[in-house]
Amino acid sequence: MSFLSKLFKNDRAEITSRKPVGKFKVEKVFEILTKQVLVGEVVEGVIYPGYKLKGNNVALIREIQRDRQKVDFAVEYDKVALVLEGRINTGEGEILEIYQS
């Protein structure tokens, strides 16, 4: 594999577990410095950074923020922002499933 192909290889997130550990309702979608950020509410379960978010495709949750502060996790009814690694095709009002890595 050449240097350029290693540099630009497409590392797509994949789901390995079968059962979702939570659900997230999207309220807004932003692009901030090449990162996709989803703002919304945890509908069910607990979310940690490193978990995967699944809609039409899959993205890794890189960071969780509540009130513009980085937090270690989010629980049911928390309103948070999820900073993603990768992109997911989603819209406002959509409920996405969360899976463990």
C-alpha atoms as a PDB file:
ATOM      1  CA  MET A   1       0.000   0.000   0.000  1.00  0.00           C
ATOM      2  CA  SER A   2       1.431   3.355  -0.994  1.00  0.00           C
ATOM      3  CA  PHE A   3       1.875   6.266   1.400  1.00  0.00           C
ATOM      4  CA  LEU A   4      -0.991   8.244  -0.157  1.00  0.00           C
ATOM      5  CA  SER A   5      -3.422   5.334  -0.038  1.00  0.00           C
ATOM      6  CA  LYS A   6      -2.603   4.815   3.667  1.00  0.00           C
ATOM      7  CA  LEU A   7      -3.101   8.511   4.310  1.00  0.00           C
ATOM      8  CA  PHE A   8      -6.463   8.694   2.540  1.00  0.00           C
ATOM      9  CA  LYS A   9      -7.845   5.227   3.212  1.00  0.00           C
ATOM     10  CA  ASN A  10     -11.521   5.105   4.071  1.00  0.00           C
ATOM     11  CA  ASP A  11     -11.882   3.872   7.669  1.00  0.00           C
ATOM     12  CA  ARG A  12     -15.609   3.341   8.029  1.00  0.00           C
ATOM     13  CA  ALA A  13     -17.133   2.526  11.389  1.00  0.00           C
ATOM     14  CA  GLU A  14     -18.966  -0.785  11.575  1.00  0.00           C
ATOM     15  CA  ILE A  15     -21.429  -2.244  14.067  1.00  0.00           C
ATOM     16  CA  THR A  16     -20.291  -5.452  15.763  1.00  0.00           C
ATOM     17  CA  SER A  17     -22.910  -5.827  18.515  1.00  0.00           C
ATOM     18  CA  ARG A  18     -26.442  -6.931  17.693  1.00  0.00           C
ATOM     19  CA  LYS A  19     -28.497  -5.084  20.294  1.00  0.00           C
ATOM     20  CA  PRO A  20     -28.544  -1.272  20.644  1.00  0.00           C
ATOM     21  CA  VAL A  21     -27.621   0.105  24.089  1.00  0.00           C
ATOM     22  CA  GLY A  22     -29.480   3.378  23.608  1.00  0.00           C
ATOM     23  CA  LYS A  23     -31.354   5.774  21.355  1.00  0.00           C
ATOM     24  CA  PHE A  24     -30.741   9.425  20.474  1.00  0.00           C
ATOM     25  CA  LYS A  25     -33.260  11.900  19.027  1.00  0.00           C
ATOM     26  CA  VAL A  26     -31.663  14.463  16.697  1.00  0.00           C
ATOM     27  CA  GLU A  27     -32.793  18.078  17.129  1.00  0.00           C
ATOM     28  CA  LYS A  28     -30.112  19.878  15.064  1.00  0.00           C
ATOM     29  CA  VAL A  29     -27.190  18.976  12.811  1.00  0.00           C
ATOM     30  CA  PHE A  30     -24.057  21.169  12.541  1.00  0.00           C
ATOM     31  CA  GLU A  31     -20.687  21.107  10.790  1.00  0.00           C
ATOM     32  CA  ILE A  32     -17.930  22.558  13.002  1.00  0.00           C
ATOM     33  CA  LEU A  33     -14.332  22.513  11.748  1.00  0.00           C
ATOM     34  CA  THR A  34     -14.826  19.417   9.546  1.00  0.00           C
ATOM     35  CA  LYS A  35     -16.622  17.520  12.344  1.00  0.00           C
ATOM     36  CA  GLN A  36     -20.312  16.712  12.277  1.00  0.00           C
ATOM     37  CA  VAL A  37     -22.118  17.606  15.509  1.00  0.00           C
ATOM     38  CA  LEU A  38     -25.579  16.321  16.420  1.00  0.00           C
ATOM     39  CA  VAL A  39     -27.562  18.119  19.108  1.00  0.00           C
ATOM     40  CA  GLY A  40     -30.439  16.290  20.719  1.00  0.00           C
ATOM     41  CA  GLU A  41     -31.762  14.189  23.575  1.00  0.00           C
ATOM     42  CA  VAL A  42     -30.848  10.743  24.831  1.00  0.00           C
ATOM     43  CA  VAL A  43     -34.159   8.901  24.548  1.00  0.00           C
ATOM     44  CA  GLU A  44     -33.022   5.634  26.081  1.00  0.00           C
ATOM     45  CA  GLY A  45     -29.924   4.106  27.692  1.00  0.00           C
ATOM     46  CA  VAL A  46     -26.445   5.499  28.389  1.00  0.00           C
ATOM     47  CA  ILE A  47     -24.020   6.897  25.785  1.00  0.00           C
ATOM     48  CA  TYR A  48     -20.213   6.978  26.106  1.00  0.00           C
ATOM     49  CA  PRO A  49     -17.570   8.367  23.748  1.00  0.00           C
ATOM     50  CA  GLY A  50     -16.361   5.528  21.537  1.00  0.00           C
ATOM     51  CA  TYR A  51     -19.861   4.138  21.021  1.00  0.00           C
ATOM     52  CA  LYS A  52     -21.274   4.053  17.500  1.00  0.00           C
ATOM     53  CA  LEU A  53     -24.298   5.891  16.177  1.00  0.00           C
ATOM     54  CA  LYS A  54     -26.379   4.196  13.480  1.00  0.00           C
ATOM     55  CA  GLY A  55     -28.805   5.772  11.042  1.00  0.00           C
ATOM     56  CA  ASN A  56     -28.519   5.189   7.280  1.00  0.00           C
ATOM     57  CA  ASN A  57     -24.791   4.695   7.909  1.00  0.00           C
ATOM     58  CA  VAL A  58     -22.533   4.494  10.987  1.00  0.00           C
ATOM     59  CA  ALA A  59     -20.307   7.068  12.746  1.00  0.00           C
ATOM     60  CA  LEU A  60     -18.163   6.950  15.880  1.00  0.00           C
ATOM     61  CA  ILE A  61     -19.022   9.242  18.807  1.00  0.00           C
ATOM     62  CA  ARG A  62     -15.747  11.068  19.490  1.00  0.00           C
ATOM     63  CA  GLU A  63     -16.965  13.426  22.252  1.00  0.00           C
ATOM     64  CA  ILE A  64     -20.087  14.255  24.274  1.00  0.00           C
ATOM     65  CA  GLN A  65     -20.815  17.814  25.454  1.00  0.00           C
ATOM     66  CA  ARG A  66     -23.459  19.136  27.838  1.00  0.00           C
ATOM     67  CA  ASP A  67     -23.786  22.921  28.285  1.00  0.00           C
ATOM     68  CA  ARG A  68     -20.615  23.342  26.161  1.00  0.00           C
ATOM     69  CA  GLN A  69     -18.606  21.229  28.593  1.00  0.00           C
ATOM     70  CA  LYS A  70     -17.080  17.852  27.730  1.00  0.00           C
ATOM     71  CA  VAL A  71     -18.657  15.020  29.753  1.00  0.00           C
ATOM     72  CA  ASP A  72     -17.761  11.352  30.204  1.00  0.00           C
ATOM     73  CA  PHE A  73     -21.254   9.997  29.435  1.00  0.00           C
ATOM     74  CA  ALA A  74     -24.900  10.938  28.862  1.00  0.00           C
ATOM     75  CA  VAL A  75     -27.991   9.252  30.292  1.00  0.00           C
ATOM     76  CA  GLU A  76     -31.669   9.138  29.418  1.00  0.00           C
ATOM     77  CA  TYR A  77     -33.308  12.613  29.100  1.00  0.00           C
ATOM     78  CA  ASP A  78     -29.941  14.431  28.857  1.00  0.00           C
ATOM     79  CA  LYS A  79     -29.779  17.099  26.138  1.00  0.00           C
ATOM     80  CA  VAL A  80     -26.282  16.854  24.659  1.00  0.00           C
ATOM     81  CA  ALA A  81     -24.136  17.466  21.603  1.00  0.00           C
ATOM     82  CA  LEU A  82     -22.396  14.477  20.021  1.00  0.00           C
ATOM     83  CA  VAL A  83     -19.183  15.239  18.121  1.00  0.00           C
ATOM     84  CA  LEU A  84     -18.769  12.534  15.494  1.00  0.00           C
ATOM     85  CA  GLU A  85     -15.823  11.030  13.712  1.00  0.00           C
ATOM     86  CA  GLY A  86     -17.194  10.463  10.248  1.00  0.00           C
ATOM     87  CA  ARG A  87     -20.524  11.568   8.859  1.00  0.00           C
ATOM     88  CA  ILE A  88     -24.019  10.214   9.200  1.00  0.00           C
ATOM     89  CA  ASN A  89     -26.970  11.080   6.982  1.00  0.00           C
ATOM     90  CA  THR A  90     -29.681  12.241   9.363  1.00  0.00           C
ATOM     91  CA  GLY A  91     -32.231  14.962   9.838  1.00  0.00           C
ATOM     92  CA  GLU A  92     -34.074  16.726  12.620  1.00  0.00           C
ATOM     93  CA  GLY A  93     -36.532  14.540  14.524  1.00  0.00           C
ATOM     94  CA  GLU A  94     -34.869  11.260  13.530  1.00  0.00           C
ATOM     95  CA  ILE A  95     -34.186   8.696  16.266  1.00  0.00           C
ATOM     96  CA  LEU A  96     -30.812   6.949  15.913  1.00  0.00           C
ATOM     97  CA  GLU A  97     -29.615   3.773  17.619  1.00  0.00           C
ATOM     98  CA  ILE A  98     -26.450   3.641  19.756  1.00  0.00           C
ATOM     99  CA  TYR A  99     -24.209   0.558  19.818  1.00  0.00           C
ATOM    100  CA  GLN A 100     -21.195  -0.394  21.949  1.00  0.00           C
ATOM    101  CA  SER A 101     -17.876  -0.601  20.139  1.00  0.00           C
END
